[in-house]
Amino acid sequence: MRADPVPPSLTSEPDRFSDDAWDLLLATQDTARRWRHGAMDVEHLLQTLLLERRFAPSGMPSKTCWRTPSAAGPPGDPPCWTCPIC
């Protein structure tokens, strides 16, 4: 019995995504690499959406940050620049 083939990575098929979605996937991949993780996962996507201003929805308050003193990012993680913690 043959195992089902592994589906190709989404990040190897840029034509399936809009430019904005593709940029988000690449930024998410960079987030995963900063954490030294071997694969992207939803937590990397969420962190990218929350921390990178270029992916913020229009109308989102500019003074928003999810970080607390105990919720620092990985080494080299960019600050959000919107709060006293960062």
N, C-alpha and C. Protein backbone atom coordinates (compact mmCIF):
# COMPACT_ATOMS: atom_id res chain seq x y z
N MET A 1 0.85 -1.18 0.00
CA MET A 1 0.00 0.00 0.00
C MET A 1 0.90 1.25 0.00
N ARG A 2 0.63 2.18 -0.92
CA ARG A 2 1.42 3.41 -1.01
C ARG A 2 0.84 4.49 -0.12
N ALA A 3 1.74 5.21 0.51
CA ALA A 3 1.32 6.37 1.32
C ALA A 3 0.96 7.52 0.38
N ASP A 4 0.04 8.35 0.82
CA ASP A 4 -0.31 9.52 0.03
C ASP A 4 0.91 10.43 -0.07
N PRO A 5 1.12 11.02 -1.26
CA PRO A 5 2.27 11.93 -1.40
C PRO A 5 2.07 13.18 -0.53
N VAL A 6 3.18 13.70 -0.07
CA VAL A 6 3.15 14.92 0.74
C VAL A 6 2.81 16.08 -0.18
N PRO A 7 1.81 16.89 0.19
CA PRO A 7 1.46 18.03 -0.67
C PRO A 7 2.61 19.04 -0.71
N PRO A 8 2.77 19.73 -1.83
CA PRO A 8 3.85 20.72 -1.92
C PRO A 8 3.62 21.88 -0.95
N SER A 9 4.70 22.49 -0.54
CA SER A 9 4.61 23.64 0.35
C SER A 9 3.88 24.78 -0.33
N LEU A 10 3.03 25.46 0.41
CA LEU A 10 2.33 26.61 -0.15
C LEU A 10 3.29 27.72 -0.54
N THR A 11 4.39 27.83 0.18
CA THR A 11 5.32 28.91 -0.12
C THR A 11 6.17 28.63 -1.35
N SER A 12 5.93 27.51 -2.00
CA SER A 12 6.63 27.25 -3.25
C SER A 12 5.74 27.52 -4.46
N GLU A 13 4.52 28.01 -4.22
CA GLU A 13 3.59 28.29 -5.30
C GLU A 13 3.04 29.72 -5.20
N PRO A 14 3.86 30.73 -5.50
CA PRO A 14 3.42 32.12 -5.32
C PRO A 14 2.23 32.51 -6.19
N ASP A 15 2.03 31.82 -7.30
CA ASP A 15 0.92 32.19 -8.19
C ASP A 15 -0.45 31.91 -7.58
N ARG A 16 -0.49 31.15 -6.50
CA ARG A 16 -1.76 30.82 -5.85
C ARG A 16 -2.23 31.92 -4.90
N PHE A 17 -1.40 32.96 -4.70
CA PHE A 17 -1.69 33.98 -3.70
C PHE A 17 -1.63 35.37 -4.29
N SER A 18 -2.35 36.29 -3.67
CA SER A 18 -2.21 37.70 -4.04
C SER A 18 -0.83 38.17 -3.57
N ASP A 19 -0.41 39.31 -4.06
CA ASP A 19 0.90 39.84 -3.65
C ASP A 19 0.95 40.07 -2.15
N ASP A 20 -0.12 40.62 -1.58
CA ASP A 20 -0.15 40.88 -0.14
C ASP A 20 -0.10 39.58 0.66
N ALA A 21 -0.84 38.57 0.24
CA ALA A 21 -0.83 37.29 0.94
C ALA A 21 0.54 36.63 0.84
N TRP A 22 1.15 36.73 -0.32
CA TRP A 22 2.49 36.15 -0.50
C TRP A 22 3.51 36.86 0.40
N ASP A 23 3.44 38.18 0.47
CA ASP A 23 4.34 38.93 1.36
C ASP A 23 4.15 38.50 2.81
N LEU A 24 2.89 38.28 3.21
CA LEU A 24 2.61 37.82 4.57
C LEU A 24 3.22 36.44 4.81
N LEU A 25 3.09 35.54 3.85
CA LEU A 25 3.68 34.20 4.01
C LEU A 25 5.20 34.27 4.13
N LEU A 26 5.83 35.10 3.33
CA LEU A 26 7.29 35.23 3.42
C LEU A 26 7.72 35.83 4.75
N ALA A 27 6.98 36.84 5.22
CA ALA A 27 7.29 37.44 6.53
C ALA A 27 7.06 36.42 7.65
N THR A 28 6.03 35.60 7.52
CA THR A 28 5.75 34.56 8.51
C THR A 28 6.87 33.54 8.53
N GLN A 29 7.37 33.19 7.36
CA GLN A 29 8.50 32.27 7.27
C GLN A 29 9.72 32.85 7.99
N ASP A 30 9.96 34.15 7.81
CA ASP A 30 11.07 34.80 8.51
C ASP A 30 10.87 34.77 10.02
N THR A 31 9.63 34.96 10.47
CA THR A 31 9.34 34.89 11.91
C THR A 31 9.68 33.51 12.43
N ALA A 32 9.28 32.47 11.73
CA ALA A 32 9.58 31.09 12.16
C ALA A 32 11.09 30.87 12.22
N ARG A 33 11.81 31.41 11.25
CA ARG A 33 13.27 31.25 11.25
C ARG A 33 13.92 31.99 12.41
N ARG A 34 13.40 33.19 12.75
CA ARG A 34 13.95 33.91 13.90
C ARG A 34 13.81 33.11 15.18
N TRP A 35 12.75 32.32 15.28
CA TRP A 35 12.53 31.46 16.44
C TRP A 35 13.31 30.15 16.31
N ARG A 36 14.02 29.99 15.20
CA ARG A 36 14.77 28.77 14.89
C ARG A 36 13.85 27.55 14.82
N HIS A 37 12.66 27.75 14.27
CA HIS A 37 11.72 26.67 14.05
C HIS A 37 11.85 26.18 12.61
N GLY A 38 11.71 24.90 12.42
CA GLY A 38 11.90 24.31 11.10
C GLY A 38 10.73 24.47 10.16
N ALA A 39 9.57 24.88 10.68
CA ALA A 39 8.39 25.01 9.83
C ALA A 39 7.52 26.16 10.33
N MET A 40 6.77 26.74 9.40
CA MET A 40 5.81 27.79 9.77
C MET A 40 4.60 27.14 10.41
N ASP A 41 4.01 27.86 11.35
CA ASP A 41 2.78 27.40 11.96
C ASP A 41 1.93 28.62 12.28
N VAL A 42 0.76 28.38 12.78
CA VAL A 42 -0.19 29.47 13.00
C VAL A 42 0.34 30.51 13.98
N GLU A 43 1.13 30.10 14.98
CA GLU A 43 1.65 31.09 15.93
C GLU A 43 2.60 32.07 15.25
N HIS A 44 3.31 31.62 14.23
CA HIS A 44 4.20 32.52 13.49
C HIS A 44 3.38 33.51 12.67
N LEU A 45 2.31 33.02 12.08
CA LEU A 45 1.42 33.89 11.31
C LEU A 45 0.80 34.96 12.20
N LEU A 46 0.31 34.54 13.35
CA LEU A 46 -0.32 35.50 14.27
C LEU A 46 0.68 36.54 14.77
N GLN A 47 1.87 36.10 15.11
CA GLN A 47 2.89 37.04 15.58
C GLN A 47 3.23 38.04 14.49
N THR A 48 3.34 37.58 13.27
CA THR A 48 3.64 38.47 12.15
C THR A 48 2.52 39.48 11.95
N LEU A 49 1.29 39.01 12.01
CA LEU A 49 0.15 39.92 11.84
C LEU A 49 0.09 40.96 12.94
N LEU A 50 0.42 40.56 14.16
CA LEU A 50 0.33 41.48 15.29
C LEU A 50 1.49 42.46 15.38
N LEU A 51 2.66 42.05 14.94
CA LEU A 51 3.83 42.89 15.15
C LEU A 51 4.26 43.71 13.95
N GLU A 52 3.93 43.28 12.77
CA GLU A 52 4.39 44.02 11.59
C GLU A 52 3.29 44.95 11.11
N ARG A 53 3.55 46.22 11.27
CA ARG A 53 2.56 47.26 10.98
C ARG A 53 2.05 47.20 9.54
N ARG A 54 2.88 46.76 8.60
CA ARG A 54 2.44 46.74 7.20
C ARG A 54 1.30 45.77 6.94
N PHE A 55 1.07 44.82 7.89
CA PHE A 55 -0.02 43.87 7.74
C PHE A 55 -1.24 44.22 8.59
N ALA A 56 -1.17 45.34 9.30
CA ALA A 56 -2.29 45.75 10.15
C ALA A 56 -3.47 46.18 9.29
N PRO A 57 -4.67 45.80 9.68
CA PRO A 57 -5.84 46.25 8.92
C PRO A 57 -6.01 47.76 9.03
N SER A 58 -6.57 48.37 8.01
CA SER A 58 -6.80 49.81 8.08
C SER A 58 -7.78 50.10 9.21
N GLY A 59 -7.57 51.18 9.90
CA GLY A 59 -8.43 51.55 11.02
C GLY A 59 -7.98 50.99 12.35
N MET A 60 -6.92 50.17 12.35
CA MET A 60 -6.42 49.61 13.61
C MET A 60 -5.70 50.71 14.37
N PRO A 61 -5.98 50.86 15.67
CA PRO A 61 -5.30 51.90 16.44
C PRO A 61 -3.79 51.73 16.38
N SER A 62 -3.08 52.82 16.25
CA SER A 62 -1.62 52.74 16.15
C SER A 62 -0.96 52.52 17.50
N LYS A 63 -1.67 52.69 18.57
CA LYS A 63 -1.10 52.51 19.91
C LYS A 63 -1.50 51.16 20.51
N THR A 64 -1.40 50.11 19.72
CA THR A 64 -1.79 48.78 20.18
C THR A 64 -0.57 47.87 20.23
N CYS A 65 -0.39 47.18 21.33
CA CYS A 65 0.70 46.21 21.44
C CYS A 65 0.24 45.07 22.34
N TRP A 66 0.55 43.87 21.95
CA TRP A 66 0.16 42.70 22.73
C TRP A 66 1.21 42.31 23.76
N ARG A 67 2.38 42.90 23.67
CA ARG A 67 3.47 42.49 24.56
C ARG A 67 3.25 42.93 26.00
N THR A 68 3.79 42.17 26.88
CA THR A 68 3.88 42.51 28.30
C THR A 68 5.34 42.31 28.68
N PRO A 69 5.78 42.77 29.85
CA PRO A 69 7.18 42.56 30.20
C PRO A 69 7.59 41.09 30.17
N SER A 70 6.66 40.17 30.39
CA SER A 70 7.00 38.74 30.39
C SER A 70 6.78 38.09 29.02
N ALA A 71 6.33 38.84 28.02
CA ALA A 71 6.04 38.27 26.70
C ALA A 71 6.97 38.83 25.64
N ALA A 72 8.24 38.78 25.90
CA ALA A 72 9.21 39.27 24.93
C ALA A 72 9.30 38.29 23.76
N GLY A 73 9.68 38.79 22.62
CA GLY A 73 9.85 37.95 21.45
C GLY A 73 11.22 37.28 21.47
N PRO A 74 11.55 36.58 20.38
CA PRO A 74 12.83 35.90 20.30
C PRO A 74 13.96 36.92 20.15
N PRO A 75 15.19 36.49 20.38
CA PRO A 75 16.32 37.40 20.18
C PRO A 75 16.29 37.96 18.77
N GLY A 76 16.47 39.26 18.64
CA GLY A 76 16.46 39.92 17.34
C GLY A 76 15.08 40.27 16.84
N ASP A 77 14.05 39.98 17.63
CA ASP A 77 12.68 40.31 17.22
C ASP A 77 12.52 41.82 17.20
N PRO A 78 11.96 42.38 16.12
CA PRO A 78 11.82 43.83 16.07
C PRO A 78 10.77 44.34 17.06
N PRO A 79 11.01 45.48 17.66
CA PRO A 79 9.99 46.05 18.56
C PRO A 79 8.80 46.57 17.77
N CYS A 80 7.66 46.70 18.43
CA CYS A 80 6.48 47.19 17.73
C CYS A 80 6.49 48.73 17.67
N TRP A 81 7.27 49.38 18.54
CA TRP A 81 7.42 50.83 18.56
C TRP A 81 6.16 51.58 18.97
N THR A 82 5.18 50.90 19.52
CA THR A 82 3.94 51.58 19.86
C THR A 82 3.64 51.59 21.35
N CYS A 83 4.51 51.04 22.15
CA CYS A 83 4.19 50.97 23.58
C CYS A 83 5.44 51.22 24.42
N PRO A 84 5.29 51.47 25.71
CA PRO A 84 6.45 51.72 26.55
C PRO A 84 7.33 50.50 26.75
N ILE A 85 6.81 49.31 26.53
CA ILE A 85 7.60 48.08 26.69
C ILE A 85 8.61 47.96 25.56
N CYS A 86 8.15 48.28 24.36
CA CYS A 86 9.02 48.12 23.19
C CYS A 86 9.89 49.35 23.00
